[in-house]
Every structure is written in C-alpha cells, then in structure tokens.
N, C-alpha and C. Protein backbone atom coordinates (compact mmCIF):
# COMPACT_ATOMS: atom_id res chain seq x y z
N MET A 1 0.83 -1.18 0.00
CA MET A 1 0.00 0.00 0.00
C MET A 1 0.88 1.24 0.00
N ARG A 2 0.41 2.28 -0.66
CA ARG A 2 1.16 3.54 -0.81
C ARG A 2 0.82 4.45 0.37
N LEU A 3 1.85 4.79 1.19
CA LEU A 3 1.61 5.50 2.44
C LEU A 3 2.47 6.75 2.59
N PHE A 4 1.96 7.67 3.39
CA PHE A 4 2.74 8.82 3.81
C PHE A 4 2.22 9.31 5.16
N ALA A 5 3.08 10.03 5.90
CA ALA A 5 2.69 10.65 7.16
C ALA A 5 2.35 12.11 6.86
N ALA A 6 1.33 12.63 7.54
CA ALA A 6 0.87 13.98 7.22
C ALA A 6 0.24 14.68 8.40
N VAL A 7 0.11 15.99 8.23
CA VAL A 7 -0.72 16.84 9.08
C VAL A 7 -1.90 17.23 8.20
N LEU A 8 -3.11 17.05 8.72
CA LEU A 8 -4.32 17.41 7.97
C LEU A 8 -4.91 18.69 8.54
N PRO A 9 -5.23 19.67 7.70
CA PRO A 9 -5.86 20.88 8.23
C PRO A 9 -7.29 20.56 8.69
N PRO A 10 -7.76 21.25 9.74
CA PRO A 10 -9.14 21.02 10.17
C PRO A 10 -10.13 21.49 9.09
N GLU A 11 -11.36 21.04 9.21
CA GLU A 11 -12.37 21.28 8.18
C GLU A 11 -12.59 22.78 7.91
N ASP A 12 -12.62 23.61 8.93
CA ASP A 12 -12.87 25.03 8.69
C ASP A 12 -11.68 25.69 7.97
N VAL A 13 -10.46 25.25 8.26
CA VAL A 13 -9.28 25.78 7.56
C VAL A 13 -9.32 25.32 6.10
N ALA A 14 -9.70 24.08 5.87
CA ALA A 14 -9.86 23.59 4.48
C ALA A 14 -10.93 24.42 3.76
N GLY A 15 -11.96 24.83 4.48
CA GLY A 15 -12.99 25.68 3.90
C GLY A 15 -12.45 27.04 3.49
N GLU A 16 -11.59 27.61 4.33
CA GLU A 16 -10.95 28.89 3.99
C GLU A 16 -10.10 28.73 2.72
N LEU A 17 -9.34 27.64 2.66
CA LEU A 17 -8.51 27.39 1.48
C LEU A 17 -9.39 27.17 0.25
N ALA A 18 -10.49 26.47 0.41
CA ALA A 18 -11.40 26.23 -0.72
C ALA A 18 -11.91 27.56 -1.29
N ALA A 19 -12.21 28.51 -0.43
CA ALA A 19 -12.66 29.83 -0.90
C ALA A 19 -11.54 30.53 -1.68
N GLU A 20 -10.31 30.40 -1.21
CA GLU A 20 -9.17 31.00 -1.91
C GLU A 20 -8.95 30.32 -3.27
N ILE A 21 -9.08 29.00 -3.30
CA ILE A 21 -8.90 28.26 -4.55
C ILE A 21 -9.99 28.66 -5.55
N ALA A 22 -11.20 28.88 -5.08
CA ALA A 22 -12.28 29.32 -5.96
C ALA A 22 -11.90 30.64 -6.64
N ARG A 23 -11.26 31.54 -5.89
CA ARG A 23 -10.78 32.81 -6.48
C ARG A 23 -9.70 32.55 -7.53
N LEU A 24 -8.76 31.65 -7.21
CA LEU A 24 -7.68 31.33 -8.14
C LEU A 24 -8.21 30.74 -9.43
N ARG A 25 -9.24 29.94 -9.31
CA ARG A 25 -9.80 29.26 -10.49
C ARG A 25 -10.50 30.21 -11.44
N ARG A 26 -10.75 31.44 -10.97
CA ARG A 26 -11.36 32.45 -11.85
C ARG A 26 -10.31 33.26 -12.61
N LEU A 27 -9.03 33.05 -12.30
CA LEU A 27 -7.97 33.77 -13.01
C LEU A 27 -7.82 33.21 -14.43
N PRO A 28 -7.38 34.06 -15.36
CA PRO A 28 -7.17 33.58 -16.74
C PRO A 28 -6.16 32.43 -16.77
N GLY A 29 -6.46 31.42 -17.55
CA GLY A 29 -5.56 30.28 -17.72
C GLY A 29 -5.69 29.20 -16.66
N ALA A 30 -6.62 29.36 -15.73
CA ALA A 30 -6.78 28.39 -14.64
C ALA A 30 -7.14 27.00 -15.14
N ASP A 31 -7.74 26.93 -16.32
CA ASP A 31 -8.09 25.61 -16.85
C ASP A 31 -6.86 24.85 -17.34
N GLY A 32 -5.70 25.50 -17.36
CA GLY A 32 -4.45 24.84 -17.72
C GLY A 32 -3.81 24.12 -16.54
N LEU A 33 -4.46 24.17 -15.39
CA LEU A 33 -3.97 23.49 -14.19
C LEU A 33 -4.93 22.37 -13.78
N ARG A 34 -4.38 21.35 -13.16
CA ARG A 34 -5.21 20.30 -12.56
C ARG A 34 -5.28 20.62 -11.07
N TRP A 35 -6.44 21.00 -10.61
CA TRP A 35 -6.63 21.44 -9.23
C TRP A 35 -6.84 20.23 -8.33
N THR A 36 -6.16 20.22 -7.21
CA THR A 36 -6.34 19.11 -6.27
C THR A 36 -7.67 19.26 -5.55
N GLY A 37 -8.23 18.16 -5.13
CA GLY A 37 -9.52 18.18 -4.45
C GLY A 37 -9.37 18.35 -2.95
N ARG A 38 -10.35 18.94 -2.36
CA ARG A 38 -10.36 19.22 -0.92
C ARG A 38 -10.10 17.98 -0.07
N PRO A 39 -10.63 16.81 -0.40
CA PRO A 39 -10.36 15.65 0.46
C PRO A 39 -8.87 15.27 0.48
N GLY A 40 -8.11 15.70 -0.49
CA GLY A 40 -6.70 15.32 -0.55
C GLY A 40 -5.74 16.34 0.03
N TRP A 41 -6.24 17.42 0.62
CA TRP A 41 -5.35 18.45 1.12
C TRP A 41 -4.66 18.01 2.39
N HIS A 42 -3.34 18.07 2.36
CA HIS A 42 -2.53 17.65 3.51
C HIS A 42 -1.14 18.26 3.40
N LEU A 43 -0.47 18.33 4.53
CA LEU A 43 0.93 18.71 4.57
C LEU A 43 1.70 17.42 4.78
N THR A 44 2.37 16.94 3.74
CA THR A 44 3.13 15.69 3.84
C THR A 44 4.32 15.91 4.77
N LEU A 45 4.50 14.98 5.70
CA LEU A 45 5.67 15.00 6.59
C LEU A 45 6.75 14.07 6.06
N ALA A 46 6.36 12.87 5.65
CA ALA A 46 7.30 11.89 5.11
C ALA A 46 6.53 11.01 4.14
N PHE A 47 7.11 10.80 2.96
CA PHE A 47 6.49 9.93 1.96
C PHE A 47 7.19 8.58 2.00
N TYR A 48 6.40 7.52 2.19
CA TYR A 48 6.97 6.17 2.31
C TYR A 48 6.86 5.36 1.03
N GLY A 49 5.98 5.74 0.11
CA GLY A 49 5.80 4.98 -1.11
C GLY A 49 5.09 3.67 -0.84
N GLU A 50 5.35 2.68 -1.67
CA GLU A 50 4.73 1.37 -1.51
C GLU A 50 5.34 0.66 -0.29
N VAL A 51 4.48 0.32 0.66
CA VAL A 51 4.93 -0.31 1.91
C VAL A 51 4.28 -1.68 2.01
N ASP A 52 5.10 -2.70 2.20
CA ASP A 52 4.60 -4.05 2.40
C ASP A 52 3.77 -4.07 3.70
N GLU A 53 2.63 -4.72 3.65
CA GLU A 53 1.74 -4.74 4.82
C GLU A 53 2.41 -5.30 6.06
N THR A 54 3.43 -6.14 5.90
CA THR A 54 4.12 -6.71 7.06
C THR A 54 4.92 -5.65 7.82
N LEU A 55 5.23 -4.52 7.17
CA LEU A 55 6.00 -3.45 7.82
C LEU A 55 5.13 -2.38 8.47
N VAL A 56 3.83 -2.40 8.19
CA VAL A 56 2.95 -1.34 8.67
C VAL A 56 2.85 -1.33 10.20
N VAL A 57 2.86 -2.49 10.83
CA VAL A 57 2.76 -2.54 12.30
C VAL A 57 3.97 -1.86 12.93
N ASP A 58 5.18 -2.18 12.45
CA ASP A 58 6.39 -1.56 12.99
C ASP A 58 6.41 -0.06 12.68
N LEU A 59 6.07 0.32 11.46
CA LEU A 59 6.01 1.74 11.10
C LEU A 59 5.03 2.46 12.01
N SER A 60 3.86 1.88 12.24
CA SER A 60 2.85 2.50 13.08
C SER A 60 3.35 2.70 14.51
N ALA A 61 4.03 1.70 15.06
CA ALA A 61 4.57 1.81 16.42
C ALA A 61 5.59 2.94 16.49
N ARG A 62 6.40 3.06 15.48
CA ARG A 62 7.42 4.11 15.46
C ARG A 62 6.79 5.49 15.28
N LEU A 63 5.74 5.58 14.48
CA LEU A 63 5.03 6.85 14.32
C LEU A 63 4.32 7.24 15.62
N ALA A 64 3.78 6.26 16.32
CA ALA A 64 3.14 6.54 17.62
C ALA A 64 4.16 7.15 18.58
N ARG A 65 5.38 6.59 18.61
CA ARG A 65 6.43 7.14 19.47
C ARG A 65 6.82 8.55 19.01
N ALA A 66 6.93 8.74 17.71
CA ALA A 66 7.27 10.07 17.18
C ALA A 66 6.23 11.10 17.61
N ALA A 67 4.96 10.73 17.52
CA ALA A 67 3.89 11.63 17.95
C ALA A 67 3.98 11.91 19.45
N GLY A 68 4.27 10.88 20.22
CA GLY A 68 4.37 11.03 21.67
C GLY A 68 5.49 11.95 22.10
N HIS A 69 6.52 12.07 21.27
CA HIS A 69 7.66 12.94 21.59
C HIS A 69 7.52 14.33 20.98
N SER A 70 6.37 14.64 20.46
CA SER A 70 6.13 15.92 19.80
C SER A 70 5.00 16.66 20.49
N ALA A 71 5.25 17.89 20.87
CA ALA A 71 4.21 18.71 21.51
C ALA A 71 3.28 19.29 20.45
N PRO A 72 2.00 19.48 20.79
CA PRO A 72 1.11 20.20 19.88
C PRO A 72 1.69 21.59 19.58
N PHE A 73 1.37 22.12 18.40
CA PHE A 73 1.95 23.41 18.01
C PHE A 73 0.99 24.17 17.11
N PRO A 74 1.11 25.52 17.08
CA PRO A 74 0.23 26.34 16.24
C PRO A 74 0.70 26.36 14.79
N LEU A 75 -0.26 26.36 13.88
CA LEU A 75 0.04 26.39 12.46
C LEU A 75 -1.10 27.05 11.71
N ALA A 76 -0.79 27.69 10.61
CA ALA A 76 -1.78 28.25 9.70
C ALA A 76 -1.29 27.99 8.28
N LEU A 77 -2.21 27.89 7.34
CA LEU A 77 -1.84 27.85 5.92
C LEU A 77 -1.62 29.28 5.49
N ALA A 78 -0.56 29.52 4.72
CA ALA A 78 -0.26 30.91 4.37
C ALA A 78 0.62 30.98 3.12
N GLY A 79 0.38 32.03 2.34
CA GLY A 79 1.22 32.32 1.20
C GLY A 79 1.12 31.26 0.12
N GLY A 80 2.14 31.21 -0.71
CA GLY A 80 2.13 30.23 -1.78
C GLY A 80 3.41 30.27 -2.57
N GLY A 81 3.56 29.31 -3.44
CA GLY A 81 4.73 29.22 -4.28
C GLY A 81 4.53 28.17 -5.34
N GLN A 82 5.62 27.88 -6.05
CA GLN A 82 5.56 26.87 -7.10
C GLN A 82 6.84 26.06 -7.10
N PHE A 83 6.73 24.83 -7.52
CA PHE A 83 7.89 23.98 -7.77
C PHE A 83 7.95 23.81 -9.27
N GLY A 84 9.17 23.84 -9.80
CA GLY A 84 9.31 23.77 -11.25
C GLY A 84 8.75 25.04 -11.85
N HIS A 85 8.54 25.05 -13.13
CA HIS A 85 7.94 26.22 -13.78
C HIS A 85 6.46 25.92 -13.98
N GLY A 86 5.68 26.21 -12.96
CA GLY A 86 4.24 25.98 -13.03
C GLY A 86 3.84 24.53 -12.92
N GLN A 87 4.79 23.65 -12.52
CA GLN A 87 4.46 22.23 -12.42
C GLN A 87 3.65 21.91 -11.18
N SER A 88 3.87 22.67 -10.11
CA SER A 88 3.14 22.42 -8.87
C SER A 88 2.94 23.75 -8.16
N LEU A 89 1.69 24.07 -7.86
CA LEU A 89 1.32 25.28 -7.15
C LEU A 89 0.90 24.88 -5.74
N TRP A 90 1.40 25.60 -4.74
CA TRP A 90 1.13 25.21 -3.36
C TRP A 90 0.90 26.42 -2.46
N THR A 91 0.26 26.15 -1.33
CA THR A 91 0.21 27.11 -0.23
C THR A 91 1.14 26.59 0.84
N GLY A 92 1.74 27.51 1.56
CA GLY A 92 2.70 27.14 2.58
C GLY A 92 2.10 27.16 3.97
N ALA A 93 2.96 27.33 4.95
CA ALA A 93 2.52 27.32 6.34
C ALA A 93 3.20 28.44 7.10
N ARG A 94 2.54 28.86 8.16
CA ARG A 94 3.05 29.88 9.07
C ARG A 94 2.73 29.40 10.48
N GLY A 95 3.59 29.70 11.40
CA GLY A 95 3.39 29.29 12.79
C GLY A 95 4.69 28.69 13.31
N ASP A 96 4.58 27.65 14.11
CA ASP A 96 5.78 27.01 14.66
C ASP A 96 6.35 26.03 13.63
N LEU A 97 7.04 26.59 12.63
CA LEU A 97 7.58 25.77 11.55
C LEU A 97 8.70 24.86 12.04
N GLU A 98 9.39 25.27 13.09
CA GLU A 98 10.45 24.41 13.63
C GLU A 98 9.83 23.14 14.23
N ALA A 99 8.71 23.26 14.93
CA ALA A 99 8.02 22.07 15.46
C ALA A 99 7.54 21.19 14.32
N LEU A 100 7.05 21.80 13.24
CA LEU A 100 6.61 21.03 12.08
C LEU A 100 7.79 20.29 11.45
N ARG A 101 8.94 20.96 11.34
CA ARG A 101 10.14 20.31 10.78
C ARG A 101 10.59 19.14 11.66
N ARG A 102 10.55 19.34 12.99
CA ARG A 102 10.95 18.24 13.89
C ARG A 102 10.01 17.05 13.73
N LEU A 103 8.71 17.31 13.61
CA LEU A 103 7.74 16.23 13.43
C LEU A 103 8.00 15.52 12.10
N ALA A 104 8.30 16.28 11.05
CA ALA A 104 8.62 15.68 9.75
C ALA A 104 9.88 14.82 9.86
N GLY A 105 10.89 15.31 10.57
CA GLY A 105 12.12 14.55 10.76
C GLY A 105 11.87 13.25 11.52
N ARG A 106 11.01 13.31 12.53
CA ARG A 106 10.68 12.11 13.30
C ARG A 106 9.89 11.11 12.46
N ALA A 107 9.00 11.63 11.59
CA ALA A 107 8.22 10.74 10.72
C ALA A 107 9.14 10.07 9.69
N GLU A 108 10.12 10.83 9.18
CA GLU A 108 11.07 10.26 8.24
C GLU A 108 11.93 9.20 8.95
N ALA A 109 12.41 9.52 10.16
CA ALA A 109 13.23 8.57 10.91
C ALA A 109 12.44 7.30 11.22
N ALA A 110 11.15 7.43 11.50
CA ALA A 110 10.30 6.26 11.76
C ALA A 110 10.30 5.33 10.55
N GLY A 111 10.20 5.91 9.37
CA GLY A 111 10.24 5.10 8.15
C GLY A 111 11.58 4.40 7.97
N ARG A 112 12.66 5.12 8.18
CA ARG A 112 13.99 4.52 8.05
C ARG A 112 14.17 3.37 9.03
N ARG A 113 13.78 3.61 10.30
CA ARG A 113 13.96 2.59 11.33
C ARG A 113 13.06 1.38 11.12
N ALA A 114 11.95 1.59 10.41
CA ALA A 114 11.06 0.47 10.09
C ALA A 114 11.57 -0.31 8.87
N GLY A 115 12.67 0.16 8.29
CA GLY A 115 13.27 -0.56 7.16
C GLY A 115 12.79 -0.11 5.79
N LEU A 116 12.16 1.06 5.72
CA LEU A 116 11.68 1.55 4.42
C LEU A 116 12.79 2.29 3.70
N PRO A 117 12.90 2.12 2.39
CA PRO A 117 13.92 2.84 1.63
C PRO A 117 13.47 4.29 1.44
N MET A 118 13.96 5.18 2.28
CA MET A 118 13.50 6.56 2.28
C MET A 118 14.21 7.44 1.25
N GLY A 119 15.27 6.94 0.64
CA GLY A 119 15.98 7.76 -0.33
C GLY A 119 16.79 8.83 0.37
N GLU A 120 17.23 9.78 -0.42
CA GLU A 120 18.09 10.85 0.09
C GLU A 120 17.29 11.82 0.95
N HIS A 121 17.86 12.20 2.10
CA HIS A 121 17.21 13.18 2.98
C HIS A 121 17.22 14.55 2.31
N ARG A 122 16.08 15.22 2.33
CA ARG A 122 15.97 16.57 1.79
C ARG A 122 15.51 17.52 2.89
N HIS A 123 15.88 18.78 2.76
CA HIS A 123 15.40 19.80 3.68
C HIS A 123 13.87 19.88 3.56
N TYR A 124 13.18 19.85 4.69
CA TYR A 124 11.72 19.84 4.68
C TYR A 124 11.17 21.21 4.28
N LYS A 125 10.26 21.23 3.34
CA LYS A 125 9.57 22.44 2.89
C LYS A 125 8.07 22.22 3.08
N ALA A 126 7.50 22.88 4.08
CA ALA A 126 6.07 22.72 4.36
C ALA A 126 5.25 23.29 3.20
N HIS A 127 4.41 22.45 2.62
CA HIS A 127 3.55 22.90 1.53
C HIS A 127 2.35 21.97 1.38
N LEU A 128 1.28 22.54 0.89
CA LEU A 128 0.06 21.80 0.58
C LEU A 128 -0.22 22.07 -0.90
N THR A 129 -0.13 21.04 -1.73
CA THR A 129 -0.29 21.21 -3.18
C THR A 129 -1.76 21.51 -3.50
N VAL A 130 -1.97 22.60 -4.25
CA VAL A 130 -3.33 22.97 -4.64
C VAL A 130 -3.59 22.74 -6.13
N ALA A 131 -2.52 22.67 -6.93
CA ALA A 131 -2.70 22.43 -8.38
C ALA A 131 -1.39 21.95 -8.98
N ARG A 132 -1.53 21.26 -10.10
CA ARG A 132 -0.37 20.81 -10.87
C ARG A 132 -0.57 21.27 -12.31
N GLY A 133 0.52 21.62 -12.97
CA GLY A 133 0.45 22.08 -14.35
C GLY A 133 0.43 20.92 -15.31
N ARG A 134 -0.39 21.03 -16.34
CA ARG A 134 -0.38 20.01 -17.40
C ARG A 134 0.82 20.24 -18.29
N ASP A 135 1.10 21.48 -18.59
CA ASP A 135 2.26 21.89 -19.36
C ASP A 135 2.91 23.01 -18.55
N SER A 136 3.84 23.66 -19.14
CA SER A 136 4.48 24.80 -18.48
C SER A 136 3.45 25.93 -18.40
N VAL A 137 3.07 26.27 -17.18
CA VAL A 137 2.07 27.32 -16.96
C VAL A 137 2.75 28.45 -16.20
N ASP A 138 2.44 29.68 -16.57
CA ASP A 138 2.96 30.83 -15.83
C ASP A 138 2.17 30.91 -14.52
N ALA A 139 2.80 30.48 -13.45
CA ALA A 139 2.12 30.41 -12.15
C ALA A 139 2.20 31.71 -11.37
N ARG A 140 2.92 32.71 -11.89
CA ARG A 140 3.09 33.96 -11.13
C ARG A 140 1.79 34.61 -10.68
N PRO A 141 0.75 34.70 -11.51
CA PRO A 141 -0.49 35.32 -11.02
C PRO A 141 -1.10 34.55 -9.84
N TYR A 142 -0.97 33.23 -9.86
CA TYR A 142 -1.52 32.41 -8.78
C TYR A 142 -0.71 32.57 -7.50
N VAL A 143 0.62 32.58 -7.66
CA VAL A 143 1.51 32.77 -6.51
C VAL A 143 1.28 34.15 -5.91
N GLN A 144 1.12 35.17 -6.76
CA GLN A 144 0.87 36.53 -6.26
C GLN A 144 -0.45 36.61 -5.51
N THR A 145 -1.48 35.94 -6.01
CA THR A 145 -2.77 35.94 -5.33
C THR A 145 -2.67 35.21 -3.99
N LEU A 146 -1.98 34.07 -4.00
CA LEU A 146 -1.81 33.30 -2.76
C LEU A 146 -0.98 34.03 -1.71
N ALA A 147 -0.13 34.96 -2.13
CA ALA A 147 0.74 35.67 -1.19
C ALA A 147 -0.04 36.33 -0.06
N ALA A 148 -1.25 36.77 -0.35
CA ALA A 148 -2.07 37.45 0.66
C ALA A 148 -2.90 36.49 1.51
N PHE A 149 -2.89 35.21 1.17
CA PHE A 149 -3.74 34.25 1.87
C PHE A 149 -3.12 33.80 3.19
N THR A 150 -3.91 33.84 4.24
CA THR A 150 -3.54 33.23 5.53
C THR A 150 -4.82 32.69 6.16
N SER A 151 -4.80 31.43 6.51
CA SER A 151 -5.95 30.83 7.19
C SER A 151 -5.88 31.18 8.68
N ARG A 152 -6.90 30.80 9.39
CA ARG A 152 -6.84 30.95 10.85
C ARG A 152 -5.78 29.99 11.37
N THR A 153 -5.23 30.29 12.51
CA THR A 153 -4.25 29.43 13.15
C THR A 153 -4.98 28.35 13.94
N TRP A 154 -4.52 27.11 13.81
CA TRP A 154 -5.07 26.02 14.60
C TRP A 154 -3.92 25.33 15.34
N THR A 155 -4.27 24.48 16.28
CA THR A 155 -3.26 23.71 16.99
C THR A 155 -3.16 22.33 16.36
N VAL A 156 -1.99 22.03 15.82
CA VAL A 156 -1.75 20.69 15.28
C VAL A 156 -1.65 19.76 16.47
N ALA A 157 -2.55 18.80 16.53
CA ALA A 157 -2.64 17.93 17.70
C ALA A 157 -2.43 16.46 17.38
N ASP A 158 -2.27 16.13 16.08
CA ASP A 158 -2.04 14.73 15.76
C ASP A 158 -1.24 14.54 14.48
N LEU A 159 -0.73 13.35 14.36
CA LEU A 159 0.05 12.87 13.21
C LEU A 159 -0.80 11.79 12.57
N VAL A 160 -0.92 11.82 11.24
CA VAL A 160 -1.81 10.90 10.54
C VAL A 160 -1.02 10.08 9.52
N LEU A 161 -1.26 8.78 9.51
CA LEU A 161 -0.73 7.90 8.47
C LEU A 161 -1.82 7.79 7.41
N VAL A 162 -1.48 8.16 6.18
CA VAL A 162 -2.47 8.24 5.10
C VAL A 162 -2.11 7.26 3.99
N ARG A 163 -3.14 6.62 3.47
CA ARG A 163 -2.99 5.74 2.31
C ARG A 163 -3.46 6.50 1.09
N SER A 164 -2.65 6.42 0.03
CA SER A 164 -2.97 7.08 -1.23
C SER A 164 -3.36 6.01 -2.23
N ASN A 165 -4.57 6.11 -2.76
CA ASN A 165 -5.05 5.19 -3.79
C ASN A 165 -5.02 5.93 -5.12
N LEU A 166 -4.08 5.56 -5.96
CA LEU A 166 -3.92 6.25 -7.24
C LEU A 166 -5.08 5.94 -8.19
N PRO A 167 -5.39 6.89 -9.08
CA PRO A 167 -6.47 6.67 -10.05
C PRO A 167 -6.18 5.47 -10.94
N ARG A 168 -7.20 4.71 -11.25
CA ARG A 168 -7.04 3.54 -12.11
C ARG A 168 -8.01 3.53 -13.29
N SER A 169 -8.94 4.47 -13.29
CA SER A 169 -9.98 4.44 -14.31
C SER A 169 -9.51 4.92 -15.67
N GLY A 170 -8.46 5.74 -15.68
CA GLY A 170 -8.01 6.33 -16.93
C GLY A 170 -8.82 7.55 -17.33
N VAL A 171 -9.76 7.97 -16.48
CA VAL A 171 -10.57 9.15 -16.76
C VAL A 171 -9.70 10.39 -16.53
N PRO A 172 -9.56 11.26 -17.54
CA PRO A 172 -8.75 12.47 -17.38
C PRO A 172 -9.22 13.30 -16.18
N GLY A 173 -8.25 13.76 -15.39
CA GLY A 173 -8.58 14.61 -14.25
C GLY A 173 -8.96 13.87 -12.98
N GLU A 174 -9.03 12.54 -13.05
CA GLU A 174 -9.38 11.79 -11.84
C GLU A 174 -8.29 12.00 -10.80
N GLN A 175 -8.71 12.21 -9.56
CA GLN A 175 -7.79 12.49 -8.46
C GLN A 175 -7.51 11.22 -7.66
N PRO A 176 -6.32 11.17 -7.01
CA PRO A 176 -6.09 10.06 -6.07
C PRO A 176 -7.10 10.15 -4.94
N ARG A 177 -7.35 9.03 -4.30
CA ARG A 177 -8.22 9.00 -3.12
C ARG A 177 -7.33 8.77 -1.91
N TYR A 178 -7.61 9.48 -0.84
CA TYR A 178 -6.81 9.37 0.37
C TYR A 178 -7.67 8.86 1.51
N GLU A 179 -7.09 7.99 2.32
CA GLU A 179 -7.80 7.52 3.50
C GLU A 179 -6.84 7.48 4.68
N SER A 180 -7.32 7.95 5.82
CA SER A 180 -6.52 7.90 7.03
C SER A 180 -6.48 6.46 7.53
N VAL A 181 -5.27 5.94 7.70
CA VAL A 181 -5.07 4.58 8.17
C VAL A 181 -4.99 4.56 9.69
N ALA A 182 -4.29 5.54 10.26
CA ALA A 182 -4.13 5.64 11.71
C ALA A 182 -3.84 7.09 12.07
N ARG A 183 -4.11 7.42 13.33
CA ARG A 183 -3.92 8.79 13.82
C ARG A 183 -3.41 8.69 15.25
N TRP A 184 -2.38 9.50 15.56
CA TRP A 184 -1.82 9.50 16.90
C TRP A 184 -1.77 10.92 17.43
N ALA A 185 -2.24 11.10 18.66
CA ALA A 185 -2.21 12.41 19.30
C ALA A 185 -0.77 12.80 19.61
N LEU A 186 -0.46 14.07 19.41
CA LEU A 186 0.85 14.56 19.81
C LEU A 186 0.87 14.59 21.33
N GLY A 187 1.97 14.12 21.92
CA GLY A 187 1.99 13.91 23.35
C GLY A 187 2.61 14.99 24.19
N GLY A 188 3.34 15.89 23.59
CA GLY A 188 3.87 16.99 24.37
C GLY A 188 5.19 16.74 25.05
N ALA A 189 5.86 15.61 24.76
CA ALA A 189 7.14 15.35 25.40
C ALA A 189 8.25 16.19 24.80
N GLY A 190 7.96 16.86 23.65
CA GLY A 190 8.91 17.77 23.01
C GLY A 190 10.06 17.06 22.47
C-alpha cells in the first residue's frame, strides 16, 4: 500500500482554502492546471511509497512514538509558491515551523527505522499542493494571489498515516483518493 505521514488541516481551515482556490480558479488560464480536491489536502511529513503490509505494524509503532515525543503546536496555511515552472502550485505554512520540521524529521526517521527505503534526505519544505500544471504554466499570477492568503491558526494535535489510492480508471482529471489509516495524538514530550 502507498503510504505517507501527514498533518491534515481542520475542516474550517480547508474551507478557507477552498474559498481562496475558488478565487484562483477564476484567473485567466486556470483551466491549464489540474486542481487538487479538498479531500486530498494535507501537509506531507514523510512519503513512504509502496509499503509491504508486514512493515505497517512496525512503522505505526514508530510513528506513535514520534507523535508522543512531539508537543502540539500552532500552524496556519499561508502564502504560496511553485515547484518547477508551473508544475506544482502550493500554499505554505506559518506558525511554529520548527516544530513542524521536527515532526517531519521524526516521521522520516520512523520510516527509516522500520526498514523503508527513504531515499536521500531533503530539507523539509512545508507545503500543501493545490494544483499541478499540465504543461508549463505561468504560475506567477496564482503565486501573487496566494501571497495574501492566511488561514486561521489552529493547533496541530495529531500525526496521521495516510494511504494514497492512485487513479485507475483512466478518466482524465481523476484524483487520487486518500484515506486515514491511523492517527496519533501529539503527546507533548517535546
């Protein structure tokens, strides 16, 4: 199964982002982007890829410990940017980004210790993907519009293991489906 660890924004924050995305979709050229769906919005902490079911128990135990060693922290969705030249449009985060980075590091370490091939370690960049480009799209108007966006601040209180079910129908524009496999409360041990 294809898995990743994530922070999920609460429903009202996702609603604020949905309103911002509705504004972005009215900009010229918005049909040149594939917009991600609200059910899939998340801040990825660590991507594990295809995980053999026999490793999920160990991974889960390690993620539970990682959550237990992490204190709840304030976060908001804010601003925006792009990866590549219009290949991926995202909103970022504001708040205790150091706590978010530590949680991401612990989630990555949990995968490594569970025996998952995590690949090369990269500097963590908090982002929530809102659209992907079909071709090279000038994302500057979208990034400029997102620059003024800030959601309300919420307290991140849990770490979520998410399963990603990739589209199989072949229908253009079909989105992956995401399901929460497990959730652990942050314990505050810092």
